[in-house]
Structure formats: C-alpha cells, structure tokens
Amino acid sequence: MASKTEMQGVVVSDRMQKSVVVAVKRRVSHGVYGKIQKRTTKLMAHNENDDAKLGDLVSIAETKPMSRRKAWSVTRVIERAPKV
C-alpha cells in the first residue's frame, strides 16, 4: 500500500465547522523556458477538533474522500499565527 501524501500549508479560511481551507505553495519550472514559478493550490481539509485557526501553518495528509471537495485531513498544527 502506498504511503499517504503529506503537505504543509497556511490556513486561509476557517469559517466552516470541522473544515479549513489550506493554501499550499510550491515552486515549479516552466516547461519551455525553465524559469522557476510559484504556484498556490487551495485544498479543503478536515479539522476535527477545530484546533487550526486562520493564519496557522499546518500539516495535512491525504485521506479517503469525505465530500465532493474534501479529501485531506489536518494532522498537526506546526506553528500558530501571531496574536494581533
């Protein structure tokens, strides 16, 4: 069995119950010109205990689909957002 994919990202929305939207940034090379580009992917993740809040750096892991858009789960909060 293949291992589950893990990614790190920043929580950009926590307005839903038991769900968050996580922005994952990555760097890719352009196919023709080779220039490095930044790409952002927004993924919905399951947040069972509502411990991840807006601005937190979190680790998410791939899971079985829980809904039409949600197939990731928050495994841990790496760094809390600074209090303002």
C-alpha atoms as a PDB file:
ATOM      1  CA  MET A   1       0.000   0.000   0.000  1.00  0.00           C
ATOM      2  CA  ALA A   2       1.343   3.421  -0.925  1.00  0.00           C
ATOM      3  CA  SER A   3       2.106   5.948   1.786  1.00  0.00           C
ATOM      4  CA  LYS A   4      -0.194   8.931   2.192  1.00  0.00           C
ATOM      5  CA  THR A   5       0.904  12.250   0.755  1.00  0.00           C
ATOM      6  CA  GLU A   6       1.720  14.931   3.344  1.00  0.00           C
ATOM      7  CA  MET A   7       1.935  18.662   2.659  1.00  0.00           C
ATOM      8  CA  GLN A   8       2.381  21.863   4.619  1.00  0.00           C
ATOM      9  CA  GLY A   9       0.366  24.999   4.114  1.00  0.00           C
ATOM     10  CA  VAL A  10      -1.237  28.052   5.688  1.00  0.00           C
ATOM     11  CA  VAL A  11      -4.891  28.140   6.765  1.00  0.00           C
ATOM     12  CA  VAL A  12      -6.654  30.822   4.694  1.00  0.00           C
ATOM     13  CA  SER A  13     -10.224  30.149   5.852  1.00  0.00           C
ATOM     14  CA  ASP A  14     -11.684  28.605   8.997  1.00  0.00           C
ATOM     15  CA  ARG A  15     -15.318  29.737   8.732  1.00  0.00           C
ATOM     16  CA  MET A  16     -16.708  26.223   8.310  1.00  0.00           C
ATOM     17  CA  GLN A  17     -17.435  23.706  11.040  1.00  0.00           C
ATOM     18  CA  LYS A  18     -14.780  20.985  11.179  1.00  0.00           C
ATOM     19  CA  SER A  19     -13.180  22.162   7.906  1.00  0.00           C
ATOM     20  CA  VAL A  20     -10.443  24.583   6.866  1.00  0.00           C
ATOM     21  CA  VAL A  21      -9.047  25.779   3.552  1.00  0.00           C
ATOM     22  CA  VAL A  22      -5.264  25.381   3.322  1.00  0.00           C
ATOM     23  CA  ALA A  23      -3.093  27.194   0.751  1.00  0.00           C
ATOM     24  CA  VAL A  24      -0.129  25.039  -0.308  1.00  0.00           C
ATOM     25  CA  LYS A  25       2.678  26.861  -2.125  1.00  0.00           C
ATOM     26  CA  ARG A  26       5.095  25.088  -4.457  1.00  0.00           C
ATOM     27  CA  ARG A  27       7.767  26.012  -6.976  1.00  0.00           C
ATOM     28  CA  VAL A  28       7.688  24.578 -10.481  1.00  0.00           C
ATOM     29  CA  SER A  29       9.860  25.032 -13.528  1.00  0.00           C
ATOM     30  CA  HIS A  30       8.299  26.415 -16.702  1.00  0.00           C
ATOM     31  CA  GLY A  31       8.088  23.713 -19.376  1.00  0.00           C
ATOM     32  CA  VAL A  32       9.723  25.679 -22.192  1.00  0.00           C
ATOM     33  CA  TYR A  33      11.733  28.486 -20.610  1.00  0.00           C
ATOM     34  CA  GLY A  34      12.834  26.799 -17.398  1.00  0.00           C
ATOM     35  CA  LYS A  35      12.094  29.808 -15.178  1.00  0.00           C
ATOM     36  CA  ILE A  36      11.025  28.945 -11.626  1.00  0.00           C
ATOM     37  CA  GLN A  37       7.416  29.929 -10.911  1.00  0.00           C
ATOM     38  CA  LYS A  38       5.397  29.970  -7.685  1.00  0.00           C
ATOM     39  CA  ARG A  39       2.077  28.132  -7.710  1.00  0.00           C
ATOM     40  CA  THR A  40      -0.570  28.055  -4.981  1.00  0.00           C
ATOM     41  CA  THR A  41      -3.150  25.312  -4.540  1.00  0.00           C
ATOM     42  CA  LYS A  42      -6.067  25.701  -2.149  1.00  0.00           C
ATOM     43  CA  LEU A  43      -7.230  22.442  -0.562  1.00  0.00           C
ATOM     44  CA  MET A  44     -10.105  21.774   1.825  1.00  0.00           C
ATOM     45  CA  ALA A  45      -9.056  19.769   4.872  1.00  0.00           C
ATOM     46  CA  HIS A  46     -10.963  18.105   7.693  1.00  0.00           C
ATOM     47  CA  ASN A  47     -10.294  19.764  11.073  1.00  0.00           C
ATOM     48  CA  GLU A  48     -11.998  17.503  13.614  1.00  0.00           C
ATOM     49  CA  ASN A  49     -11.310  19.442  16.840  1.00  0.00           C
ATOM     50  CA  ASP A  50     -11.267  22.945  15.299  1.00  0.00           C
ATOM     51  CA  ASP A  51      -7.711  23.453  16.569  1.00  0.00           C
ATOM     52  CA  ALA A  52      -6.369  25.042  13.352  1.00  0.00           C
ATOM     53  CA  LYS A  53      -7.197  28.729  13.053  1.00  0.00           C
ATOM     54  CA  LEU A  54      -6.701  31.419  10.399  1.00  0.00           C
ATOM     55  CA  GLY A  55      -3.009  32.008   9.600  1.00  0.00           C
ATOM     56  CA  ASP A  56      -1.685  28.816  11.237  1.00  0.00           C
ATOM     57  CA  LEU A  57       0.946  26.699   9.487  1.00  0.00           C
ATOM     58  CA  VAL A  58      -0.445  23.149   9.372  1.00  0.00           C
ATOM     59  CA  SER A  59       0.465  19.737   8.054  1.00  0.00           C
ATOM     60  CA  ILE A  60      -2.224  17.920   6.055  1.00  0.00           C
ATOM     61  CA  ALA A  61      -2.409  14.303   4.924  1.00  0.00           C
ATOM     62  CA  GLU A  62      -4.349  12.679   2.128  1.00  0.00           C
ATOM     63  CA  THR A  63      -7.417  10.674   3.203  1.00  0.00           C
ATOM     64  CA  LYS A  64     -10.365   8.988   1.578  1.00  0.00           C
ATOM     65  CA  PRO A  65     -12.870  11.493   0.143  1.00  0.00           C
ATOM     66  CA  MET A  66     -15.182  12.893   2.830  1.00  0.00           C
ATOM     67  CA  SER A  67     -17.206  15.081   0.488  1.00  0.00           C
ATOM     68  CA  ARG A  68     -17.077  16.402  -3.069  1.00  0.00           C
ATOM     69  CA  ARG A  69     -14.122  18.740  -2.395  1.00  0.00           C
ATOM     70  CA  LYS A  70     -12.632  17.443   0.870  1.00  0.00           C
ATOM     71  CA  ALA A  71     -10.087  14.605   0.724  1.00  0.00           C
ATOM     72  CA  TRP A  72      -7.418  15.912   3.141  1.00  0.00           C
ATOM     73  CA  SER A  73      -7.155  15.991   6.932  1.00  0.00           C
ATOM     74  CA  VAL A  74      -5.194  18.254   9.291  1.00  0.00           C
ATOM     75  CA  THR A  75      -2.646  16.086  11.109  1.00  0.00           C
ATOM     76  CA  ARG A  76      -0.977  18.743  13.276  1.00  0.00           C
ATOM     77  CA  VAL A  77      -0.527  22.460  13.770  1.00  0.00           C
ATOM     78  CA  ILE A  78       3.147  23.269  13.168  1.00  0.00           C
ATOM     79  CA  GLU A  79       3.118  26.971  14.034  1.00  0.00           C
ATOM     80  CA  ARG A  80       0.406  29.202  15.448  1.00  0.00           C
ATOM     81  CA  ALA A  81      -0.448  32.549  13.842  1.00  0.00           C
ATOM     82  CA  PRO A  82       0.822  35.568  15.812  1.00  0.00           C
ATOM     83  CA  LYS A  83      -1.762  37.249  18.039  1.00  0.00           C
ATOM     84  CA  VAL A  84      -2.626  40.773  16.918  1.00  0.00           C
END
